[in-house]
Amino acid sequence: MPRRYWQYPPEFQVLNVLSTAGASVLAVGYLLPMIYFLWSLKYGPSPATIRGTPPPGVEDYVSAAHL
């Protein structure tokens, strides 16, 4: 089968449509997380400040030597 067709033969039309649909779903799957990531970089605070508690510091952990 040649690499590119101007018009697909009828027996390959279903495969062409499925390939196009799969590429569209894949593109949406890549775009949505990228948009959310860029949005969160600009507008989103860290999840710890949303809950109102700061992330734990080093002093909050007990070392094994003190046990």
PDB file of N, CA and C in Angstrom:
ATOM      1  N   MET A   1       0.851  -1.175   0.000  1.00  0.00           N
ATOM      2  CA  MET A   1       0.000   0.000   0.000  1.00  0.00           C
ATOM      3  C   MET A   1       0.896   1.237   0.000  1.00  0.00           C
ATOM      4  N   PRO A   2       0.673   2.155  -0.899  1.00  0.00           N
ATOM      5  CA  PRO A   2       1.475   3.380  -0.901  1.00  0.00           C
ATOM      6  C   PRO A   2       1.289   4.180   0.376  1.00  0.00           C
ATOM      7  N   ARG A   3       2.251   5.037   0.649  1.00  0.00           N
ATOM      8  CA  ARG A   3       2.236   5.799   1.897  1.00  0.00           C
ATOM      9  C   ARG A   3       1.066   6.773   1.976  1.00  0.00           C
ATOM     10  N   ARG A   4       0.769   7.463   0.893  1.00  0.00           N
ATOM     11  CA  ARG A   4      -0.314   8.454   0.925  1.00  0.00           C
ATOM     12  C   ARG A   4      -1.239   8.264  -0.266  1.00  0.00           C
ATOM     13  N   TYR A   5      -2.504   8.465  -0.016  1.00  0.00           N
ATOM     14  CA  TYR A   5      -3.525   8.407  -1.050  1.00  0.00           C
ATOM     15  C   TYR A   5      -4.254   9.738  -1.093  1.00  0.00           C
ATOM     16  N   TRP A   6      -4.601  10.183  -2.287  1.00  0.00           N
ATOM     17  CA  TRP A   6      -5.454  11.360  -2.395  1.00  0.00           C
ATOM     18  C   TRP A   6      -6.853  10.990  -1.936  1.00  0.00           C
ATOM     19  N   GLN A   7      -7.337   9.842  -2.396  1.00  0.00           N
ATOM     20  CA  GLN A   7      -8.601   9.284  -1.934  1.00  0.00           C
ATOM     21  C   GLN A   7      -8.344   7.823  -1.564  1.00  0.00           C
ATOM     22  N   TYR A   8      -8.837   7.436  -0.405  1.00  0.00           N
ATOM     23  CA  TYR A   8      -8.659   6.056   0.000  1.00  0.00           C
ATOM     24  C   TYR A   8      -9.611   5.158  -0.781  1.00  0.00           C
ATOM     25  N   PRO A   9      -9.159   3.969  -1.093  1.00  0.00           N
ATOM     26  CA  PRO A   9     -10.089   3.009  -1.689  1.00  0.00           C
ATOM     27  C   PRO A   9     -11.199   2.690  -0.678  1.00  0.00           C
ATOM     28  N   PRO A  10     -12.364   2.333  -1.163  1.00  0.00           N
ATOM     29  CA  PRO A  10     -13.490   2.095  -0.244  1.00  0.00           C
ATOM     30  C   PRO A  10     -13.204   1.056   0.840  1.00  0.00           C
ATOM     31  N   GLU A  11     -12.382   0.060   0.553  1.00  0.00           N
ATOM     32  CA  GLU A  11     -12.133  -0.968   1.574  1.00  0.00           C
ATOM     33  C   GLU A  11     -11.275  -0.450   2.727  1.00  0.00           C
ATOM     34  N   PHE A  12     -10.581   0.678   2.537  1.00  0.00           N
ATOM     35  CA  PHE A  12      -9.756   1.253   3.600  1.00  0.00           C
ATOM     36  C   PHE A  12     -10.398   2.466   4.265  1.00  0.00           C
ATOM     37  N   GLN A  13     -11.575   2.848   3.824  1.00  0.00           N
ATOM     38  CA  GLN A  13     -12.197   4.065   4.344  1.00  0.00           C
ATOM     39  C   GLN A  13     -12.523   3.949   5.832  1.00  0.00           C
ATOM     40  N   VAL A  14     -13.011   2.801   6.260  1.00  0.00           N
ATOM     41  CA  VAL A  14     -13.359   2.615   7.676  1.00  0.00           C
ATOM     42  C   VAL A  14     -12.107   2.714   8.538  1.00  0.00           C
ATOM     43  N   LEU A  15     -11.018   2.134   8.087  1.00  0.00           N
ATOM     44  CA  LEU A  15      -9.775   2.207   8.850  1.00  0.00           C
ATOM     45  C   LEU A  15      -9.244   3.637   8.908  1.00  0.00           C
ATOM     46  N   ASN A  16      -9.422   4.379   7.833  1.00  0.00           N
ATOM     47  CA  ASN A  16      -8.991   5.780   7.822  1.00  0.00           C
ATOM     48  C   ASN A  16      -9.797   6.601   8.824  1.00  0.00           C
ATOM     49  N   VAL A  17     -11.095   6.386   8.872  1.00  0.00           N
ATOM     50  CA  VAL A  17     -11.947   7.120   9.814  1.00  0.00           C
ATOM     51  C   VAL A  17     -11.596   6.731  11.252  1.00  0.00           C
ATOM     52  N   LEU A  18     -11.350   5.448  11.513  1.00  0.00           N
ATOM     53  CA  LEU A  18     -10.977   5.014  12.857  1.00  0.00           C
ATOM     54  C   LEU A  18      -9.630   5.604  13.274  1.00  0.00           C
ATOM     55  N   SER A  19      -8.698   5.659  12.341  1.00  0.00           N
ATOM     56  CA  SER A  19      -7.396   6.244  12.634  1.00  0.00           C
ATOM     57  C   SER A  19      -7.526   7.735  12.944  1.00  0.00           C
ATOM     58  N   THR A  20      -8.342   8.436  12.191  1.00  0.00           N
ATOM     59  CA  THR A  20      -8.563   9.860  12.435  1.00  0.00           C
ATOM     60  C   THR A  20      -9.248  10.084  13.780  1.00  0.00           C
ATOM     61  N   ALA A  21     -10.230   9.263  14.112  1.00  0.00           N
ATOM     62  CA  ALA A  21     -10.913   9.392  15.402  1.00  0.00           C
ATOM     63  C   ALA A  21      -9.954   9.098  16.546  1.00  0.00           C
ATOM     64  N   GLY A  22      -9.122   8.084  16.396  1.00  0.00           N
ATOM     65  CA  GLY A  22      -8.149   7.768  17.442  1.00  0.00           C
ATOM     66  C   GLY A  22      -7.141   8.878  17.634  1.00  0.00           C
ATOM     67  N   ALA A  23      -6.698   9.495  16.541  1.00  0.00           N
ATOM     68  CA  ALA A  23      -5.766  10.613  16.650  1.00  0.00           C
ATOM     69  C   ALA A  23      -6.424  11.810  17.326  1.00  0.00           C
ATOM     70  N   SER A  24      -7.703  12.014  17.076  1.00  0.00           N
ATOM     71  CA  SER A  24      -8.422  13.125  17.717  1.00  0.00           C
ATOM     72  C   SER A  24      -8.556  12.889  19.219  1.00  0.00           C
ATOM     73  N   VAL A  25      -8.877  11.673  19.607  1.00  0.00           N
ATOM     74  CA  VAL A  25      -8.988  11.353  21.035  1.00  0.00           C
ATOM     75  C   VAL A  25      -7.629  11.506  21.717  1.00  0.00           C
ATOM     76  N   LEU A  26      -6.576  11.069  21.049  1.00  0.00           N
ATOM     77  CA  LEU A  26      -5.236  11.205  21.595  1.00  0.00           C
ATOM     78  C   LEU A  26      -4.854  12.678  21.749  1.00  0.00           C
ATOM     79  N   ALA A  27      -5.207  13.500  20.768  1.00  0.00           N
ATOM     80  CA  ALA A  27      -4.901  14.929  20.845  1.00  0.00           C
ATOM     81  C   ALA A  27      -5.622  15.585  22.016  1.00  0.00           C
ATOM     82  N   VAL A  28      -6.877  15.244  22.225  1.00  0.00           N
ATOM     83  CA  VAL A  28      -7.622  15.787  23.369  1.00  0.00           C
ATOM     84  C   VAL A  28      -7.001  15.293  24.668  1.00  0.00           C
ATOM     85  N   GLY A  29      -6.569  14.036  24.687  1.00  0.00           N
ATOM     86  CA  GLY A  29      -5.934  13.485  25.876  1.00  0.00           C
ATOM     87  C   GLY A  29      -4.638  14.186  26.239  1.00  0.00           C
ATOM     88  N   TYR A  30      -3.935  14.711  25.257  1.00  0.00           N
ATOM     89  CA  TYR A  30      -2.722  15.480  25.527  1.00  0.00           C
ATOM     90  C   TYR A  30      -3.032  16.939  25.844  1.00  0.00           C
ATOM     91  N   LEU A  31      -4.028  17.499  25.189  1.00  0.00           N
ATOM     92  CA  LEU A  31      -4.321  18.924  25.359  1.00  0.00           C
ATOM     93  C   LEU A  31      -4.936  19.253  26.720  1.00  0.00           C
ATOM     94  N   LEU A  32      -5.862  18.439  27.189  1.00  0.00           N
ATOM     95  CA  LEU A  32      -6.529  18.757  28.457  1.00  0.00           C
ATOM     96  C   LEU A  32      -5.555  18.839  29.638  1.00  0.00           C
ATOM     97  N   PRO A  33      -4.674  17.867  29.849  1.00  0.00           N
ATOM     98  CA  PRO A  33      -3.715  18.023  30.945  1.00  0.00           C
ATOM     99  C   PRO A  33      -2.757  19.190  30.740  1.00  0.00           C
ATOM    100  N   MET A  34      -2.377  19.463  29.489  1.00  0.00           N
ATOM    101  CA  MET A  34      -1.474  20.581  29.235  1.00  0.00           C
ATOM    102  C   MET A  34      -2.152  21.911  29.554  1.00  0.00           C
ATOM    103  N   ILE A  35      -3.413  22.049  29.168  1.00  0.00           N
ATOM    104  CA  ILE A  35      -4.156  23.273  29.481  1.00  0.00           C
ATOM    105  C   ILE A  35      -4.301  23.415  30.990  1.00  0.00           C
ATOM    106  N   TYR A  36      -4.638  22.323  31.675  1.00  0.00           N
ATOM    107  CA  TYR A  36      -4.791  22.387  33.125  1.00  0.00           C
ATOM    108  C   TYR A  36      -3.462  22.721  33.796  1.00  0.00           C
ATOM    109  N   PHE A  37      -2.379  22.156  33.301  1.00  0.00           N
ATOM    110  CA  PHE A  37      -1.062  22.435  33.865  1.00  0.00           C
ATOM    111  C   PHE A  37      -0.701  23.909  33.709  1.00  0.00           C
ATOM    112  N   LEU A  38      -0.898  24.450  32.511  1.00  0.00           N
ATOM    113  CA  LEU A  38      -0.586  25.863  32.287  1.00  0.00           C
ATOM    114  C   LEU A  38      -1.485  26.771  33.116  1.00  0.00           C
ATOM    115  N   TRP A  39      -2.753  26.403  33.236  1.00  0.00           N
ATOM    116  CA  TRP A  39      -3.684  27.188  34.052  1.00  0.00           C
ATOM    117  C   TRP A  39      -3.251  27.158  35.521  1.00  0.00           C
ATOM    118  N   SER A  40      -2.854  25.991  36.009  1.00  0.00           N
ATOM    119  CA  SER A  40      -2.471  25.887  37.412  1.00  0.00           C
ATOM    120  C   SER A  40      -1.166  26.623  37.694  1.00  0.00           C
ATOM    121  N   LEU A  41      -0.275  26.706  36.700  1.00  0.00           N
ATOM    122  CA  LEU A  41       0.941  27.486  36.900  1.00  0.00           C
ATOM    123  C   LEU A  41       0.629  28.971  37.076  1.00  0.00           C
ATOM    124  N   LYS A  42      -0.372  29.443  36.366  1.00  0.00           N
ATOM    125  CA  LYS A  42      -0.693  30.863  36.414  1.00  0.00           C
ATOM    126  C   LYS A  42      -1.625  31.212  37.579  1.00  0.00           C
ATOM    127  N   TYR A  43      -2.662  30.402  37.816  1.00  0.00           N
ATOM    128  CA  TYR A  43      -3.704  30.777  38.775  1.00  0.00           C
ATOM    129  C   TYR A  43      -3.751  29.914  40.033  1.00  0.00           C
ATOM    130  N   GLY A  44      -3.221  28.726  40.005  1.00  0.00           N
ATOM    131  CA  GLY A  44      -3.465  27.792  41.092  1.00  0.00           C
ATOM    132  C   GLY A  44      -2.477  27.885  42.224  1.00  0.00           C
ATOM    133  N   PRO A  45      -2.958  28.079  43.442  1.00  0.00           N
ATOM    134  CA  PRO A  45      -2.061  27.986  44.592  1.00  0.00           C
ATOM    135  C   PRO A  45      -1.741  26.518  44.878  1.00  0.00           C
ATOM    136  N   SER A  46      -0.806  26.306  45.759  1.00  0.00           N
ATOM    137  CA  SER A  46      -0.464  24.925  46.086  1.00  0.00           C
ATOM    138  C   SER A  46      -1.626  24.271  46.835  1.00  0.00           C
ATOM    139  N   PRO A  47      -1.779  22.973  46.724  1.00  0.00           N
ATOM    140  CA  PRO A  47      -2.880  22.299  47.409  1.00  0.00           C
ATOM    141  C   PRO A  47      -2.827  22.466  48.923  1.00  0.00           C
ATOM    142  N   ALA A  48      -1.660  22.640  49.504  1.00  0.00           N
ATOM    143  CA  ALA A  48      -1.563  22.793  50.958  1.00  0.00           C
ATOM    144  C   ALA A  48      -2.179  24.108  51.402  1.00  0.00           C
ATOM    145  N   THR A  49      -2.029  25.162  50.642  1.00  0.00           N
ATOM    146  CA  THR A  49      -2.612  26.445  51.043  1.00  0.00           C
ATOM    147  C   THR A  49      -4.103  26.490  50.772  1.00  0.00           C
ATOM    148  N   ILE A  50      -4.596  25.649  49.906  1.00  0.00           N
ATOM    149  CA  ILE A  50      -6.043  25.598  49.681  1.00  0.00           C
ATOM    150  C   ILE A  50      -6.731  25.074  50.938  1.00  0.00           C
ATOM    151  N   ARG A  51      -6.152  24.075  51.573  1.00  0.00           N
ATOM    152  CA  ARG A  51      -6.747  23.506  52.786  1.00  0.00           C
ATOM    153  C   ARG A  51      -6.489  24.377  54.007  1.00  0.00           C
ATOM    154  N   GLY A  52      -5.576  25.309  53.897  1.00  0.00           N
ATOM    155  CA  GLY A  52      -5.310  26.198  55.017  1.00  0.00           C
ATOM    156  C   GLY A  52      -4.205  25.726  55.931  1.00  0.00           C
ATOM    157  N   THR A  53      -3.596  24.602  55.644  1.00  0.00           N
ATOM    158  CA  THR A  53      -2.503  24.121  56.481  1.00  0.00           C
ATOM    159  C   THR A  53      -1.221  24.127  55.668  1.00  0.00           C
ATOM    160  N   PRO A  54      -0.147  24.579  56.246  1.00  0.00           N
ATOM    161  CA  PRO A  54       1.118  24.573  55.499  1.00  0.00           C
ATOM    162  C   PRO A  54       1.658  23.144  55.386  1.00  0.00           C
ATOM    163  N   PRO A  55       2.499  22.891  54.421  1.00  0.00           N
ATOM    164  CA  PRO A  55       3.090  21.559  54.324  1.00  0.00           C
ATOM    165  C   PRO A  55       3.983  21.287  55.536  1.00  0.00           C
ATOM    166  N   PRO A  56       4.143  20.033  55.916  1.00  0.00           N
ATOM    167  CA  PRO A  56       4.939  19.722  57.100  1.00  0.00           C
ATOM    168  C   PRO A  56       6.399  20.122  56.920  1.00  0.00           C
ATOM    169  N   GLY A  57       6.982  20.627  57.981  1.00  0.00           N
ATOM    170  CA  GLY A  57       8.386  21.004  57.965  1.00  0.00           C
ATOM    171  C   GLY A  57       9.258  19.888  58.494  1.00  0.00           C
ATOM    172  N   VAL A  58      10.537  20.129  58.516  1.00  0.00           N
ATOM    173  CA  VAL A  58      11.480  19.117  58.986  1.00  0.00           C
ATOM    174  C   VAL A  58      11.260  18.825  60.466  1.00  0.00           C
ATOM    175  N   GLU A  59      10.898  19.844  61.236  1.00  0.00           N
ATOM    176  CA  GLU A  59      10.728  19.649  62.683  1.00  0.00           C
ATOM    177  C   GLU A  59       9.490  18.817  63.023  1.00  0.00           C
ATOM    178  N   ASP A  60       8.598  18.597  62.070  1.00  0.00           N
ATOM    179  CA  ASP A  60       7.396  17.807  62.326  1.00  0.00           C
ATOM    180  C   ASP A  60       7.652  16.303  62.301  1.00  0.00           C
ATOM    181  N   TYR A  61       8.799  15.896  61.818  1.00  0.00           N
ATOM    182  CA  TYR A  61       9.108  14.480  61.740  1.00  0.00           C
ATOM    183  C   TYR A  61      10.012  14.090  62.908  1.00  0.00           C
ATOM    184  N   VAL A  62       9.714  12.961  63.489  1.00  0.00           N
ATOM    185  CA  VAL A  62      10.517  12.448  64.592  1.00  0.00           C
ATOM    186  C   VAL A  62      11.590  11.554  64.007  1.00  0.00           C
ATOM    187  N   SER A  63      12.806  11.802  64.376  1.00  0.00           N
ATOM    188  CA  SER A  63      13.878  10.960  63.851  1.00  0.00           C
ATOM    189  C   SER A  63      13.920   9.634  64.598  1.00  0.00           C
ATOM    190  N   ALA A  64      14.523   8.658  64.008  1.00  0.00           N
ATOM    191  CA  ALA A  64      14.613   7.337  64.617  1.00  0.00           C
ATOM    192  C   ALA A  64      15.507   7.343  65.843  1.00  0.00           C
ATOM    193  N   ALA A  65      16.415   8.309  65.952  1.00  0.00           N
ATOM    194  CA  ALA A  65      17.325   8.372  67.094  1.00  0.00           C
ATOM    195  C   ALA A  65      16.566   8.752  68.383  1.00  0.00           C
ATOM    196  N   HIS A  66      15.459   9.484  68.275  1.00  0.00           N
ATOM    197  CA  HIS A  66      14.716   9.905  69.458  1.00  0.00           C
ATOM    198  C   HIS A  66      13.726   8.860  69.951  1.00  0.00           C
ATOM    199  N   LEU A  67      13.530   7.825  69.198  1.00  0.00           N
ATOM    200  CA  LEU A  67      12.590   6.787  69.606  1.00  0.00           C
ATOM    201  C   LEU A  67      13.259   5.833  70.481  1.00  0.00           C
TER     202      LEU A  67
END
